[in-house]
Amino acid sequence: MNRLKDKVAVITGAALGIGAATARRLGEEGAAVALLDLHGAEGEALAARLDAAGIKARFWPCDVAKEAEVKRVFGEVENHFGRIDVLVNNAGVSGANKPTHELTEEEWDFVQAINVKGVFFCTKYAVPAMKRAGGGSIINLSSIYGLVGAPDTPPYHASKGAVRLMSKTDAMIYAPDKIRVNSVHPGFIWTPMVEAHLKSAGELEEGKAATAALHPLGHMGEPDDIAWGAVYLASDEAKFVTGSELVIDGGYTAR
């Protein structure tokens, strides 16, 4: 219950799915949690539920693709909680599912702005706070598609490959500051984003069964499967872990 006692964690895309599960698990382990998202009603409701459970939580509306907004919110988080020790860069979108030659510039840029620039902006404004706190842990949500390819959603796959290499670069840059940076690579996790992706591709139940079968364990993951990985990387148990890839994918990439 105290693996993250006295730490302050910022989670982006925190209102739903993996972000919400991560916020709850980090909070249960003793962290105060700053919830950042554009889903205001859901974010406020989650903050209220966590608060009722005895977890220090507050919601901030934040578009991670806008630098000025990220800068302001991170300043407010540090002022409110007194420090920032953990950043979970979870906010992301899947984007248009088209072949590369059919994509528009706008469709490409939309995904990169959130999935790549969002990680950049949040890291940029978390690092000074972590330096003031004496160190920290940055956890970047990549994907199995930051490790292997697939014949769909090119902007998404490109963005997650970028996140993987950004994590390794920042791990080396900030190691002297005792800031660890790692990437997490989920397989298909049953979240609103995956549900929307499967709906766009055709019949939902058929798609769920086919997607589950891609994993040697025979099923998709749950948000908590990723949340517990984030708890580990945020904790002092992972004090010698940086620049690494935590793959939580039901065996998808073991082929």
C-alpha atoms as a PDB file:
ATOM      1  CA  MET A   1       0.000   0.000   0.000  1.00  0.00           C
ATOM      2  CA  ASN A   2       2.956   2.377   0.417  1.00  0.00           C
ATOM      3  CA  ARG A   3       5.120   1.685  -2.612  1.00  0.00           C
ATOM      4  CA  LEU A   4       4.675   5.304  -3.739  1.00  0.00           C
ATOM      5  CA  LYS A   5       4.212   7.031  -0.378  1.00  0.00           C
ATOM      6  CA  ASP A   6       4.682  10.816  -0.537  1.00  0.00           C
ATOM      7  CA  LYS A   7       5.190  10.841  -4.326  1.00  0.00           C
ATOM      8  CA  VAL A   8       3.193  13.067  -6.675  1.00  0.00           C
ATOM      9  CA  ALA A   9       2.232  11.607 -10.035  1.00  0.00           C
ATOM     10  CA  VAL A  10       0.921  13.337 -13.152  1.00  0.00           C
ATOM     11  CA  ILE A  11      -1.089  11.118 -15.504  1.00  0.00           C
ATOM     12  CA  THR A  12      -2.168  12.352 -18.941  1.00  0.00           C
ATOM     13  CA  GLY A  13      -5.199  10.877 -20.647  1.00  0.00           C
ATOM     14  CA  ALA A  14      -6.233  10.031 -17.102  1.00  0.00           C
ATOM     15  CA  ALA A  15     -10.026  10.095 -17.351  1.00  0.00           C
ATOM     16  CA  LEU A  16     -10.606   6.728 -19.023  1.00  0.00           C
ATOM     17  CA  GLY A  17      -9.068   3.330 -19.757  1.00  0.00           C
ATOM     18  CA  ILE A  18      -5.395   2.807 -18.964  1.00  0.00           C
ATOM     19  CA  GLY A  19      -5.015   6.322 -17.574  1.00  0.00           C
ATOM     20  CA  ALA A  20      -7.850   5.932 -15.079  1.00  0.00           C
ATOM     21  CA  ALA A  21      -6.618   2.509 -13.935  1.00  0.00           C
ATOM     22  CA  THR A  22      -3.092   3.868 -13.538  1.00  0.00           C
ATOM     23  CA  ALA A  23      -4.294   6.829 -11.496  1.00  0.00           C
ATOM     24  CA  ARG A  24      -6.201   4.521  -9.148  1.00  0.00           C
ATOM     25  CA  ARG A  25      -3.334   2.048  -8.680  1.00  0.00           C
ATOM     26  CA  LEU A  26      -0.734   4.790  -8.150  1.00  0.00           C
ATOM     27  CA  GLY A  27      -3.057   6.446  -5.643  1.00  0.00           C
ATOM     28  CA  GLU A  28      -3.701   3.208  -3.781  1.00  0.00           C
ATOM     29  CA  GLU A  29       0.059   2.842  -3.383  1.00  0.00           C
ATOM     30  CA  GLY A  30       0.300   6.237  -1.674  1.00  0.00           C
ATOM     31  CA  ALA A  31       0.838   8.745  -4.490  1.00  0.00           C
ATOM     32  CA  ALA A  32      -1.085  11.979  -4.863  1.00  0.00           C
ATOM     33  CA  VAL A  33      -2.369  12.056  -8.440  1.00  0.00           C
ATOM     34  CA  ALA A  34      -2.864  14.908 -10.895  1.00  0.00           C
ATOM     35  CA  LEU A  35      -5.328  13.842 -13.571  1.00  0.00           C
ATOM     36  CA  LEU A  36      -4.929  15.546 -16.955  1.00  0.00           C
ATOM     37  CA  ASP A  37      -7.401  15.032 -19.790  1.00  0.00           C
ATOM     38  CA  LEU A  38      -9.757  16.749 -22.213  1.00  0.00           C
ATOM     39  CA  HIS A  39     -12.708  14.635 -21.002  1.00  0.00           C
ATOM     40  CA  GLY A  40     -13.771  17.058 -18.298  1.00  0.00           C
ATOM     41  CA  ALA A  41     -16.842  15.337 -16.878  1.00  0.00           C
ATOM     42  CA  GLU A  42     -15.124  11.961 -16.707  1.00  0.00           C
ATOM     43  CA  GLY A  43     -11.969  13.466 -15.220  1.00  0.00           C
ATOM     44  CA  GLU A  44     -13.836  15.353 -12.509  1.00  0.00           C
ATOM     45  CA  ALA A  45     -15.884  12.247 -11.686  1.00  0.00           C
ATOM     46  CA  LEU A  46     -12.746  10.113 -11.374  1.00  0.00           C
ATOM     47  CA  ALA A  47     -11.086  12.696  -9.107  1.00  0.00           C
ATOM     48  CA  ALA A  48     -14.181  12.649  -6.876  1.00  0.00           C
ATOM     49  CA  ARG A  49     -14.192   8.836  -6.704  1.00  0.00           C
ATOM     50  CA  LEU A  50     -10.496   8.724  -5.839  1.00  0.00           C
ATOM     51  CA  ASP A  51     -10.915  11.433  -3.214  1.00  0.00           C
ATOM     52  CA  ALA A  52     -13.792   9.471  -1.651  1.00  0.00           C
ATOM     53  CA  ALA A  53     -11.462   6.457  -1.489  1.00  0.00           C
ATOM     54  CA  GLY A  54      -8.900   8.465   0.471  1.00  0.00           C
ATOM     55  CA  ILE A  55      -6.586   9.243  -2.452  1.00  0.00           C
ATOM     56  CA  LYS A  56      -5.321  12.788  -2.957  1.00  0.00           C
ATOM     57  CA  ALA A  57      -6.505  13.608  -6.479  1.00  0.00           C
ATOM     58  CA  ARG A  58      -7.278  16.658  -8.568  1.00  0.00           C
ATOM     59  CA  PHE A  59      -8.331  17.040 -12.194  1.00  0.00           C
ATOM     60  CA  TRP A  60      -6.944  19.571 -14.666  1.00  0.00           C
ATOM     61  CA  PRO A  61      -8.334  19.999 -18.200  1.00  0.00           C
ATOM     62  CA  CYS A  62      -5.296  19.887 -20.482  1.00  0.00           C
ATOM     63  CA  ASP A  63      -4.619  19.524 -24.201  1.00  0.00           C
ATOM     64  CA  VAL A  64      -1.149  17.973 -24.291  1.00  0.00           C
ATOM     65  CA  ALA A  65      -0.669  19.145 -27.899  1.00  0.00           C
ATOM     66  CA  LYS A  66      -0.613  22.806 -26.751  1.00  0.00           C
ATOM     67  CA  GLU A  67       2.647  23.850 -25.138  1.00  0.00           C
ATOM     68  CA  ALA A  68       1.338  26.928 -23.322  1.00  0.00           C
ATOM     69  CA  GLU A  69      -1.438  24.850 -21.760  1.00  0.00           C
ATOM     70  CA  VAL A  70       0.969  22.123 -20.638  1.00  0.00           C
ATOM     71  CA  LYS A  71       3.354  24.693 -19.148  1.00  0.00           C
ATOM     72  CA  ARG A  72       0.547  26.350 -17.188  1.00  0.00           C
ATOM     73  CA  VAL A  73      -0.948  23.102 -15.896  1.00  0.00           C
ATOM     74  CA  PHE A  74       2.369  21.619 -14.786  1.00  0.00           C
ATOM     75  CA  GLY A  75       3.103  24.816 -12.880  1.00  0.00           C
ATOM     76  CA  GLU A  76      -0.283  24.592 -11.187  1.00  0.00           C
ATOM     77  CA  VAL A  77       0.246  20.919 -10.313  1.00  0.00           C
ATOM     78  CA  GLU A  78       3.608  21.630  -8.685  1.00  0.00           C
ATOM     79  CA  ASN A  79       2.172  24.600  -6.785  1.00  0.00           C
ATOM     80  CA  HIS A  80      -0.800  22.554  -5.587  1.00  0.00           C
ATOM     81  CA  PHE A  81       1.006  19.374  -4.530  1.00  0.00           C
ATOM     82  CA  GLY A  82       4.453  20.865  -3.835  1.00  0.00           C
ATOM     83  CA  ARG A  83       6.434  18.616  -6.181  1.00  0.00           C
ATOM     84  CA  ILE A  84       6.299  16.250  -9.165  1.00  0.00           C
ATOM     85  CA  ASP A  85       7.956  12.832  -8.896  1.00  0.00           C
ATOM     86  CA  VAL A  86       6.236  10.733 -11.562  1.00  0.00           C
ATOM     87  CA  LEU A  87       4.929  11.467 -15.058  1.00  0.00           C
ATOM     88  CA  VAL A  88       2.852   8.934 -16.975  1.00  0.00           C
ATOM     89  CA  ASN A  89       2.596  10.081 -20.596  1.00  0.00           C
ATOM     90  CA  ASN A  90      -0.513   8.106 -21.461  1.00  0.00           C
ATOM     91  CA  ALA A  91      -2.596  10.486 -23.600  1.00  0.00           C
ATOM     92  CA  GLY A  92      -2.881   9.202 -27.148  1.00  0.00           C
ATOM     93  CA  VAL A  93      -5.059   8.660 -30.201  1.00  0.00           C
ATOM     94  CA  SER A  94      -5.065   5.953 -32.864  1.00  0.00           C
ATOM     95  CA  GLY A  95      -5.919   8.225 -35.799  1.00  0.00           C
ATOM     96  CA  ALA A  96      -6.972   7.447 -39.350  1.00  0.00           C
ATOM     97  CA  ASN A  97      -6.805   3.831 -40.461  1.00  0.00           C
ATOM     98  CA  LYS A  98      -5.758   4.338 -44.090  1.00  0.00           C
ATOM     99  CA  PRO A  99      -2.805   3.292 -46.252  1.00  0.00           C
ATOM    100  CA  THR A 100       0.014   5.828 -46.208  1.00  0.00           C
ATOM    101  CA  HIS A 101      -0.660   7.095 -49.753  1.00  0.00           C
ATOM    102  CA  GLU A 102      -4.264   7.960 -48.842  1.00  0.00           C
ATOM    103  CA  LEU A 103      -3.526   9.909 -45.662  1.00  0.00           C
ATOM    104  CA  THR A 104      -3.884  13.679 -45.521  1.00  0.00           C
ATOM    105  CA  GLU A 105      -1.325  15.938 -43.890  1.00  0.00           C
ATOM    106  CA  GLU A 106      -3.962  16.916 -41.325  1.00  0.00           C
ATOM    107  CA  GLU A 107      -4.607  13.262 -40.392  1.00  0.00           C
ATOM    108  CA  TRP A 108      -0.892  12.647 -39.954  1.00  0.00           C
ATOM    109  CA  ASP A 109      -0.293  15.807 -37.938  1.00  0.00           C
ATOM    110  CA  PHE A 110      -3.257  15.168 -35.628  1.00  0.00           C
ATOM    111  CA  VAL A 111      -1.712  11.934 -34.346  1.00  0.00           C
ATOM    112  CA  GLN A 112       1.845  13.265 -34.079  1.00  0.00           C
ATOM    113  CA  ALA A 113       0.680  16.359 -32.191  1.00  0.00           C
ATOM    114  CA  ILE A 114      -0.857  14.322 -29.383  1.00  0.00           C
ATOM    115  CA  ASN A 115       1.215  11.132 -29.335  1.00  0.00           C
ATOM    116  CA  VAL A 116       4.653  12.666 -29.946  1.00  0.00           C
ATOM    117  CA  LYS A 117       4.551  16.397 -29.231  1.00  0.00           C
ATOM    118  CA  GLY A 118       2.393  15.694 -26.191  1.00  0.00           C
ATOM    119  CA  VAL A 119       5.096  13.458 -24.735  1.00  0.00           C
ATOM    120  CA  PHE A 120       7.718  16.084 -25.579  1.00  0.00           C
ATOM    121  CA  PHE A 121       5.802  18.966 -23.967  1.00  0.00           C
ATOM    122  CA  CYS A 122       4.910  17.065 -20.807  1.00  0.00           C
ATOM    123  CA  THR A 123       8.467  15.798 -20.392  1.00  0.00           C
ATOM    124  CA  LYS A 124       9.819  19.299 -21.005  1.00  0.00           C
ATOM    125  CA  TYR A 125       7.813  20.770 -18.129  1.00  0.00           C
ATOM    126  CA  ALA A 126       8.035  17.789 -15.771  1.00  0.00           C
ATOM    127  CA  VAL A 127      11.836  17.602 -15.839  1.00  0.00           C
ATOM    128  CA  PRO A 128      12.542  20.932 -14.057  1.00  0.00           C
ATOM    129  CA  ALA A 129      10.077  19.987 -11.320  1.00  0.00           C
ATOM    130  CA  MET A 130      11.684  16.559 -10.970  1.00  0.00           C
ATOM    131  CA  LYS A 131      15.111  18.154 -10.729  1.00  0.00           C
ATOM    132  CA  ARG A 132      13.806  20.316  -7.884  1.00  0.00           C
ATOM    133  CA  ALA A 133      12.418  17.167  -6.228  1.00  0.00           C
ATOM    134  CA  GLY A 134      15.773  15.383  -6.506  1.00  0.00           C
ATOM    135  CA  GLY A 135      14.772  12.874  -9.187  1.00  0.00           C
ATOM    136  CA  GLY A 136      11.801  11.150 -10.711  1.00  0.00           C
ATOM    137  CA  SER A 137      10.331   8.581 -13.070  1.00  0.00           C
ATOM    138  CA  ILE A 138       8.898   9.264 -16.525  1.00  0.00           C
ATOM    139  CA  ILE A 139       6.777   6.469 -17.965  1.00  0.00           C
ATOM    140  CA  ASN A 140       5.933   6.805 -21.651  1.00  0.00           C
ATOM    141  CA  LEU A 141       3.137   4.718 -23.123  1.00  0.00           C
ATOM    142  CA  SER A 142       4.340   3.360 -26.442  1.00  0.00           C
ATOM    143  CA  SER A 143       2.816   0.194 -27.916  1.00  0.00           C
ATOM    144  CA  ILE A 144       3.613  -3.194 -29.369  1.00  0.00           C
ATOM    145  CA  TYR A 145       3.621  -1.109 -32.554  1.00  0.00           C
ATOM    146  CA  GLY A 146       6.613   0.783 -31.269  1.00  0.00           C
ATOM    147  CA  LEU A 147       8.427  -2.559 -31.541  1.00  0.00           C
ATOM    148  CA  VAL A 148       6.881  -4.328 -34.550  1.00  0.00           C
ATOM    149  CA  GLY A 149       4.902  -3.273 -37.598  1.00  0.00           C
ATOM    150  CA  ALA A 150       1.421  -4.024 -38.888  1.00  0.00           C
ATOM    151  CA  PRO A 151      -0.416  -3.123 -42.104  1.00  0.00           C
ATOM    152  CA  ASP A 152      -2.707  -0.459 -40.637  1.00  0.00           C
ATOM    153  CA  THR A 153      -2.819   3.009 -38.950  1.00  0.00           C
ATOM    154  CA  PRO A 154       0.590   4.287 -40.187  1.00  0.00           C
ATOM    155  CA  PRO A 155       0.503   7.556 -38.202  1.00  0.00           C
ATOM    156  CA  TYR A 156      -0.070   5.674 -34.943  1.00  0.00           C
ATOM    157  CA  HIS A 157       2.753   3.205 -35.532  1.00  0.00           C
ATOM    158  CA  ALA A 158       5.161   5.993 -36.477  1.00  0.00           C
ATOM    159  CA  SER A 159       4.236   7.917 -33.343  1.00  0.00           C
ATOM    160  CA  LYS A 160       4.769   4.968 -31.029  1.00  0.00           C
ATOM    161  CA  GLY A 161       8.149   4.191 -32.572  1.00  0.00           C
ATOM    162  CA  ALA A 162       9.094   7.803 -31.883  1.00  0.00           C
ATOM    163  CA  VAL A 163       8.024   7.506 -28.252  1.00  0.00           C
ATOM    164  CA  ARG A 164      10.228   4.436 -27.800  1.00  0.00           C
ATOM    165  CA  LEU A 165      13.349   6.251 -29.013  1.00  0.00           C
ATOM    166  CA  MET A 166      12.475   9.482 -27.196  1.00  0.00           C
ATOM    167  CA  SER A 167      12.375   7.440 -23.995  1.00  0.00           C
ATOM    168  CA  LYS A 168      15.850   6.004 -24.547  1.00  0.00           C
ATOM    169  CA  THR A 169      17.328   9.392 -25.428  1.00  0.00           C
ATOM    170  CA  ASP A 170      15.844  11.119 -22.389  1.00  0.00           C
ATOM    171  CA  ALA A 171      16.912   8.216 -20.178  1.00  0.00           C
ATOM    172  CA  MET A 172      20.521   8.982 -21.074  1.00  0.00           C
ATOM    173  CA  ILE A 173      20.160  12.762 -20.918  1.00  0.00           C
ATOM    174  CA  TYR A 174      18.568  12.837 -17.464  1.00  0.00           C
ATOM    175  CA  ALA A 175      20.294   9.905 -15.747  1.00  0.00           C
ATOM    176  CA  PRO A 176      22.696  12.294 -13.956  1.00  0.00           C
ATOM    177  CA  ASP A 177      19.628  14.021 -12.483  1.00  0.00           C
ATOM    178  CA  LYS A 178      18.283  10.715 -11.107  1.00  0.00           C
ATOM    179  CA  ILE A 179      15.347  10.912 -13.512  1.00  0.00           C
ATOM    180  CA  ARG A 180      14.519   7.513 -14.975  1.00  0.00           C
ATOM    181  CA  VAL A 181      12.694   7.264 -18.313  1.00  0.00           C
ATOM    182  CA  ASN A 182      11.131   4.058 -19.605  1.00  0.00           C
ATOM    183  CA  SER A 183       8.585   3.049 -22.209  1.00  0.00           C
ATOM    184  CA  VAL A 184       5.667   0.651 -21.747  1.00  0.00           C
ATOM    185  CA  HIS A 185       4.480  -1.424 -24.699  1.00  0.00           C
ATOM    186  CA  PRO A 186       0.945  -2.757 -24.274  1.00  0.00           C
ATOM    187  CA  GLY A 187      -0.677  -5.289 -26.527  1.00  0.00           C
ATOM    188  CA  PHE A 188      -4.363  -4.787 -27.267  1.00  0.00           C
ATOM    189  CA  ILE A 189      -6.011  -3.620 -24.047  1.00  0.00           C
ATOM    190  CA  TRP A 190      -9.795  -3.392 -23.827  1.00  0.00           C
ATOM    191  CA  THR A 191     -10.261   0.383 -23.638  1.00  0.00           C
ATOM    192  CA  PRO A 192     -12.562   2.909 -25.324  1.00  0.00           C
ATOM    193  CA  MET A 193      -9.815   3.599 -27.901  1.00  0.00           C
ATOM    194  CA  VAL A 194      -9.481  -0.086 -28.876  1.00  0.00           C
ATOM    195  CA  GLU A 195     -13.252  -0.475 -28.943  1.00  0.00           C
ATOM    196  CA  ALA A 196     -13.567   2.495 -31.320  1.00  0.00           C
ATOM    197  CA  HIS A 197     -10.762   1.128 -33.501  1.00  0.00           C
ATOM    198  CA  LEU A 198     -12.445  -2.273 -33.804  1.00  0.00           C
ATOM    199  CA  LYS A 199     -15.846  -0.702 -34.506  1.00  0.00           C
ATOM    200  CA  SER A 200     -14.335   1.335 -37.345  1.00  0.00           C
ATOM    201  CA  ALA A 201     -12.848  -1.835 -38.851  1.00  0.00           C
ATOM    202  CA  GLY A 202     -16.107  -3.805 -38.993  1.00  0.00           C
ATOM    203  CA  GLU A 203     -18.256  -6.053 -36.796  1.00  0.00           C
ATOM    204  CA  LEU A 204     -17.264  -5.503 -33.161  1.00  0.00           C
ATOM    205  CA  GLU A 205     -17.669  -8.977 -31.681  1.00  0.00           C
ATOM    206  CA  GLU A 206     -15.899 -10.573 -34.627  1.00  0.00           C
ATOM    207  CA  GLY A 207     -13.120  -8.039 -34.287  1.00  0.00           C
ATOM    208  CA  LYS A 208     -12.777  -8.677 -30.547  1.00  0.00           C
ATOM    209  CA  ALA A 209     -12.423 -12.421 -31.104  1.00  0.00           C
ATOM    210  CA  ALA A 210      -9.899 -11.991 -33.910  1.00  0.00           C
ATOM    211  CA  THR A 211      -7.870  -9.480 -31.910  1.00  0.00           C
ATOM    212  CA  ALA A 212      -7.849 -11.686 -28.813  1.00  0.00           C
ATOM    213  CA  ALA A 213      -6.522 -14.545 -30.938  1.00  0.00           C
ATOM    214  CA  LEU A 214      -3.473 -12.479 -31.926  1.00  0.00           C
ATOM    215  CA  HIS A 215      -2.140 -12.905 -28.391  1.00  0.00           C
ATOM    216  CA  PRO A 216      -0.683 -16.308 -27.413  1.00  0.00           C
ATOM    217  CA  LEU A 217      -2.472 -16.054 -24.057  1.00  0.00           C
ATOM    218  CA  GLY A 218      -5.725 -15.986 -26.033  1.00  0.00           C
ATOM    219  CA  HIS A 219      -7.275 -12.775 -24.763  1.00  0.00           C
ATOM    220  CA  MET A 220      -6.855  -9.016 -24.730  1.00  0.00           C
ATOM    221  CA  GLY A 221      -5.446  -7.276 -21.685  1.00  0.00           C
ATOM    222  CA  GLU A 222      -7.183  -5.098 -19.128  1.00  0.00           C
ATOM    223  CA  PRO A 223      -6.204  -1.554 -18.091  1.00  0.00           C
ATOM    224  CA  ASP A 224      -4.945  -2.846 -14.724  1.00  0.00           C
ATOM    225  CA  ASP A 225      -2.393  -5.026 -16.522  1.00  0.00           C
ATOM    226  CA  ILE A 226      -0.680  -1.829 -17.647  1.00  0.00           C
ATOM    227  CA  ALA A 227      -1.371   0.112 -14.466  1.00  0.00           C
ATOM    228  CA  TRP A 228       0.584  -2.372 -12.339  1.00  0.00           C
ATOM    229  CA  GLY A 229       3.538  -2.016 -14.708  1.00  0.00           C
ATOM    230  CA  ALA A 230       3.408   1.740 -14.189  1.00  0.00           C
ATOM    231  CA  VAL A 231       3.336   1.260 -10.419  1.00  0.00           C
ATOM    232  CA  TYR A 232       6.543  -0.776 -10.651  1.00  0.00           C
ATOM    233  CA  LEU A 233       8.343   1.743 -12.872  1.00  0.00           C
ATOM    234  CA  ALA A 234       7.230   4.640 -10.661  1.00  0.00           C
ATOM    235  CA  SER A 235       8.427   2.947  -7.488  1.00  0.00           C
ATOM    236  CA  ASP A 236      11.887   2.693  -5.958  1.00  0.00           C
ATOM    237  CA  GLU A 237      11.773  -1.023  -6.791  1.00  0.00           C
ATOM    238  CA  ALA A 238      12.755   0.102 -10.308  1.00  0.00           C
ATOM    239  CA  LYS A 239      15.606   2.354  -9.150  1.00  0.00           C
ATOM    240  CA  PHE A 240      18.066   0.605 -11.541  1.00  0.00           C
ATOM    241  CA  VAL A 241      15.665   0.577 -14.501  1.00  0.00           C
ATOM    242  CA  THR A 242      15.976   3.284 -17.131  1.00  0.00           C
ATOM    243  CA  GLY A 243      15.953   3.350 -20.930  1.00  0.00           C
ATOM    244  CA  SER A 244      14.103   0.051 -20.929  1.00  0.00           C
ATOM    245  CA  GLU A 245      11.002  -1.304 -22.648  1.00  0.00           C
ATOM    246  CA  LEU A 246       8.395  -2.945 -20.444  1.00  0.00           C
ATOM    247  CA  VAL A 247       6.396  -5.157 -22.811  1.00  0.00           C
ATOM    248  CA  ILE A 248       2.954  -6.178 -21.480  1.00  0.00           C
ATOM    249  CA  ASP A 249       1.357  -7.832 -24.474  1.00  0.00           C
ATOM    250  CA  GLY A 250       0.107 -11.344 -23.740  1.00  0.00           C
ATOM    251  CA  GLY A 251       2.970 -12.702 -25.831  1.00  0.00           C
ATOM    252  CA  TYR A 252       2.074 -10.748 -29.014  1.00  0.00           C
ATOM    253  CA  THR A 253       5.676  -9.771 -29.826  1.00  0.00           C
ATOM    254  CA  ALA A 254       7.202 -13.104 -28.733  1.00  0.00           C
ATOM    255  CA  ARG A 255       6.779 -14.595 -32.203  1.00  0.00           C
END
